[in-house]
Amino acid sequence: MADLGKLLQVSMHRRHVTAQALAQRTGIRTPRIRAFVEDGADGPVHPTEQELAELADALGLPLREVLQAARDTVPALA
């Protein structure tokens, strides 16, 4: 399974959507979306479940796939 950043990059490219356009559709600030695309879910900016749901809806992706991609990039706690 691809990590969140890769999943967002591919989906945005496929739909010809920029981070700014995605921000307008979702209400999520553009810098946050860029951080998710560049760093995935394990970067300094962590997406909330609501943000992940909004991104999935805006990009036409199954929520389960987006949540799984976000989980795959976050290291497990000891």
N, C-alpha and C. Protein backbone atom coordinates (compact mmCIF):
# COMPACT_ATOMS: atom_id res chain seq x y z
N MET A 1 0.85 -1.18 0.00
CA MET A 1 0.00 0.00 0.00
C MET A 1 0.89 1.24 0.00
N ALA A 2 0.54 2.20 -0.80
CA ALA A 2 1.30 3.44 -0.89
C ALA A 2 1.08 4.28 0.37
N ASP A 3 2.07 5.09 0.70
CA ASP A 3 1.88 5.97 1.84
C ASP A 3 0.96 7.13 1.43
N LEU A 4 0.54 7.89 2.41
CA LEU A 4 -0.43 8.96 2.18
C LEU A 4 0.07 9.97 1.15
N GLY A 5 1.32 10.40 1.27
CA GLY A 5 1.86 11.40 0.35
C GLY A 5 1.81 10.93 -1.09
N LYS A 6 2.23 9.69 -1.32
CA LYS A 6 2.24 9.14 -2.67
C LYS A 6 0.81 8.98 -3.20
N LEU A 7 -0.09 8.52 -2.34
CA LEU A 7 -1.49 8.35 -2.74
C LEU A 7 -2.09 9.70 -3.16
N LEU A 8 -1.83 10.73 -2.39
CA LEU A 8 -2.35 12.06 -2.72
C LEU A 8 -1.72 12.59 -4.01
N GLN A 9 -0.41 12.43 -4.15
CA GLN A 9 0.27 12.89 -5.37
C GLN A 9 -0.33 12.26 -6.61
N VAL A 10 -0.47 10.95 -6.59
CA VAL A 10 -0.99 10.23 -7.75
C VAL A 10 -2.43 10.64 -8.03
N SER A 11 -3.25 10.72 -7.00
CA SER A 11 -4.67 11.07 -7.18
C SER A 11 -4.84 12.50 -7.69
N MET A 12 -4.06 13.40 -7.14
CA MET A 12 -4.15 14.80 -7.58
C MET A 12 -3.68 14.94 -9.02
N HIS A 13 -2.61 14.25 -9.37
CA HIS A 13 -2.09 14.30 -10.74
C HIS A 13 -3.11 13.71 -11.71
N ARG A 14 -3.68 12.59 -11.35
CA ARG A 14 -4.65 11.91 -12.20
C ARG A 14 -5.88 12.78 -12.47
N ARG A 15 -6.27 13.56 -11.48
CA ARG A 15 -7.46 14.39 -11.61
C ARG A 15 -7.13 15.85 -11.99
N HIS A 16 -5.83 16.10 -12.21
CA HIS A 16 -5.38 17.45 -12.58
C HIS A 16 -5.85 18.50 -11.55
N VAL A 17 -5.60 18.20 -10.28
CA VAL A 17 -6.01 19.06 -9.18
C VAL A 17 -4.76 19.55 -8.46
N THR A 18 -4.68 20.83 -8.21
CA THR A 18 -3.57 21.40 -7.45
C THR A 18 -3.92 21.40 -5.96
N ALA A 19 -2.92 21.63 -5.13
CA ALA A 19 -3.16 21.73 -3.69
C ALA A 19 -4.12 22.87 -3.39
N GLN A 20 -3.99 23.96 -4.11
CA GLN A 20 -4.87 25.11 -3.89
C GLN A 20 -6.31 24.77 -4.25
N ALA A 21 -6.52 24.09 -5.37
CA ALA A 21 -7.87 23.69 -5.77
C ALA A 21 -8.46 22.71 -4.76
N LEU A 22 -7.64 21.80 -4.28
CA LEU A 22 -8.10 20.84 -3.29
C LEU A 22 -8.45 21.55 -1.98
N ALA A 23 -7.68 22.56 -1.63
CA ALA A 23 -7.98 23.35 -0.44
C ALA A 23 -9.33 24.05 -0.57
N GLN A 24 -9.62 24.57 -1.74
CA GLN A 24 -10.90 25.24 -1.96
C GLN A 24 -12.06 24.26 -1.86
N ARG A 25 -11.86 23.04 -2.32
CA ARG A 25 -12.92 22.02 -2.28
C ARG A 25 -13.17 21.51 -0.86
N THR A 26 -12.10 21.45 -0.06
CA THR A 26 -12.21 20.81 1.25
C THR A 26 -12.27 21.79 2.42
N GLY A 27 -11.72 22.96 2.25
CA GLY A 27 -11.63 23.88 3.38
C GLY A 27 -10.35 23.69 4.19
N ILE A 28 -9.55 22.72 3.81
CA ILE A 28 -8.25 22.49 4.46
C ILE A 28 -7.27 23.49 3.88
N ARG A 29 -6.48 24.12 4.72
CA ARG A 29 -5.54 25.13 4.24
C ARG A 29 -4.51 24.52 3.30
N THR A 30 -4.15 25.28 2.26
CA THR A 30 -3.21 24.82 1.25
C THR A 30 -1.88 24.35 1.85
N PRO A 31 -1.27 25.08 2.79
CA PRO A 31 0.00 24.58 3.35
C PRO A 31 -0.12 23.22 4.02
N ARG A 32 -1.26 22.94 4.64
CA ARG A 32 -1.46 21.62 5.26
C ARG A 32 -1.52 20.53 4.19
N ILE A 33 -2.25 20.80 3.11
CA ILE A 33 -2.34 19.81 2.03
C ILE A 33 -0.96 19.56 1.44
N ARG A 34 -0.21 20.62 1.21
CA ARG A 34 1.15 20.45 0.67
C ARG A 34 2.01 19.62 1.62
N ALA A 35 1.85 19.84 2.91
CA ALA A 35 2.61 19.06 3.90
C ALA A 35 2.22 17.58 3.84
N PHE A 36 0.92 17.28 3.70
CA PHE A 36 0.48 15.89 3.60
C PHE A 36 1.05 15.24 2.35
N VAL A 37 1.07 15.99 1.23
CA VAL A 37 1.57 15.45 -0.03
C VAL A 37 3.08 15.21 0.05
N GLU A 38 3.80 16.14 0.63
CA GLU A 38 5.26 16.04 0.69
C GLU A 38 5.75 15.05 1.75
N ASP A 39 5.12 15.06 2.93
CA ASP A 39 5.62 14.29 4.07
C ASP A 39 4.76 13.09 4.45
N GLY A 40 3.58 12.97 3.86
CA GLY A 40 2.67 11.91 4.27
C GLY A 40 2.11 12.19 5.65
N ALA A 41 1.73 11.16 6.35
CA ALA A 41 1.12 11.33 7.67
C ALA A 41 2.15 11.37 8.80
N ASP A 42 3.41 11.04 8.50
CA ASP A 42 4.39 11.01 9.58
C ASP A 42 5.30 12.23 9.60
N GLY A 43 4.96 13.26 8.84
CA GLY A 43 5.71 14.51 8.86
C GLY A 43 5.34 15.33 10.08
N PRO A 44 5.81 16.56 10.15
CA PRO A 44 5.52 17.40 11.31
C PRO A 44 4.05 17.82 11.40
N VAL A 45 3.32 17.76 10.29
CA VAL A 45 1.90 18.11 10.28
C VAL A 45 1.11 16.82 10.10
N HIS A 46 0.31 16.46 11.09
CA HIS A 46 -0.45 15.22 11.05
C HIS A 46 -1.90 15.50 10.66
N PRO A 47 -2.43 14.75 9.69
CA PRO A 47 -3.82 14.95 9.30
C PRO A 47 -4.78 14.37 10.33
N THR A 48 -5.91 15.03 10.49
CA THR A 48 -6.96 14.49 11.35
C THR A 48 -7.80 13.52 10.52
N GLU A 49 -8.60 12.71 11.20
CA GLU A 49 -9.48 11.79 10.48
C GLU A 49 -10.48 12.57 9.63
N GLN A 50 -10.94 13.71 10.12
CA GLN A 50 -11.88 14.53 9.34
C GLN A 50 -11.20 15.03 8.06
N GLU A 51 -9.95 15.48 8.17
CA GLU A 51 -9.23 15.94 6.98
C GLU A 51 -9.04 14.80 5.99
N LEU A 52 -8.72 13.62 6.50
CA LEU A 52 -8.55 12.47 5.62
C LEU A 52 -9.85 12.13 4.91
N ALA A 53 -10.96 12.22 5.63
CA ALA A 53 -12.28 11.95 5.02
C ALA A 53 -12.60 12.99 3.94
N GLU A 54 -12.28 14.25 4.22
CA GLU A 54 -12.54 15.31 3.23
C GLU A 54 -11.67 15.13 1.99
N LEU A 55 -10.41 14.75 2.18
CA LEU A 55 -9.53 14.51 1.05
C LEU A 55 -10.01 13.33 0.22
N ALA A 56 -10.41 12.26 0.89
CA ALA A 56 -10.92 11.08 0.18
C ALA A 56 -12.14 11.45 -0.66
N ASP A 57 -13.05 12.20 -0.06
CA ASP A 57 -14.26 12.59 -0.77
C ASP A 57 -13.94 13.49 -1.97
N ALA A 58 -13.09 14.47 -1.75
CA ALA A 58 -12.74 15.42 -2.82
C ALA A 58 -12.00 14.76 -3.97
N LEU A 59 -11.23 13.72 -3.68
CA LEU A 59 -10.45 13.04 -4.72
C LEU A 59 -11.14 11.77 -5.25
N GLY A 60 -12.31 11.47 -4.72
CA GLY A 60 -13.04 10.29 -5.17
C GLY A 60 -12.36 8.99 -4.80
N LEU A 61 -11.71 8.98 -3.65
CA LEU A 61 -11.00 7.78 -3.18
C LEU A 61 -11.80 7.11 -2.07
N PRO A 62 -11.70 5.80 -1.96
CA PRO A 62 -12.34 5.13 -0.83
C PRO A 62 -11.69 5.58 0.49
N LEU A 63 -12.51 5.93 1.45
CA LEU A 63 -12.00 6.39 2.74
C LEU A 63 -11.09 5.34 3.37
N ARG A 64 -11.46 4.09 3.25
CA ARG A 64 -10.66 3.00 3.81
C ARG A 64 -9.23 3.03 3.27
N GLU A 65 -9.10 3.29 1.97
CA GLU A 65 -7.77 3.32 1.34
C GLU A 65 -6.94 4.49 1.87
N VAL A 66 -7.57 5.64 2.05
CA VAL A 66 -6.86 6.82 2.55
C VAL A 66 -6.45 6.61 4.01
N LEU A 67 -7.35 6.08 4.81
CA LEU A 67 -7.02 5.82 6.21
C LEU A 67 -5.89 4.79 6.33
N GLN A 68 -5.93 3.77 5.50
CA GLN A 68 -4.87 2.76 5.52
C GLN A 68 -3.53 3.36 5.12
N ALA A 69 -3.54 4.21 4.09
CA ALA A 69 -2.30 4.87 3.64
C ALA A 69 -1.74 5.75 4.76
N ALA A 70 -2.61 6.42 5.50
CA ALA A 70 -2.16 7.26 6.60
C ALA A 70 -1.57 6.42 7.73
N ARG A 71 -2.18 5.28 7.99
CA ARG A 71 -1.68 4.40 9.05
C ARG A 71 -0.36 3.77 8.68
N ASP A 72 -0.20 3.45 7.39
CA ASP A 72 1.04 2.79 6.93
C ASP A 72 2.25 3.68 7.09
N THR A 73 2.06 5.00 7.13
CA THR A 73 3.20 5.90 7.20
C THR A 73 3.55 6.30 8.64
N VAL A 74 2.66 6.02 9.58
CA VAL A 74 2.91 6.39 10.97
C VAL A 74 3.55 5.20 11.66
N PRO A 75 4.75 5.38 12.25
CA PRO A 75 5.40 4.26 12.94
C PRO A 75 4.57 3.81 14.14
N ALA A 76 4.56 2.51 14.37
CA ALA A 76 3.82 1.95 15.50
C ALA A 76 4.46 2.36 16.82
N LEU A 77 3.63 2.62 17.80
CA LEU A 77 4.13 2.97 19.13
C LEU A 77 4.59 1.72 19.85
N ALA A 78 5.66 1.83 20.63
CA ALA A 78 6.20 0.67 21.35
C ALA A 78 5.37 0.34 22.57
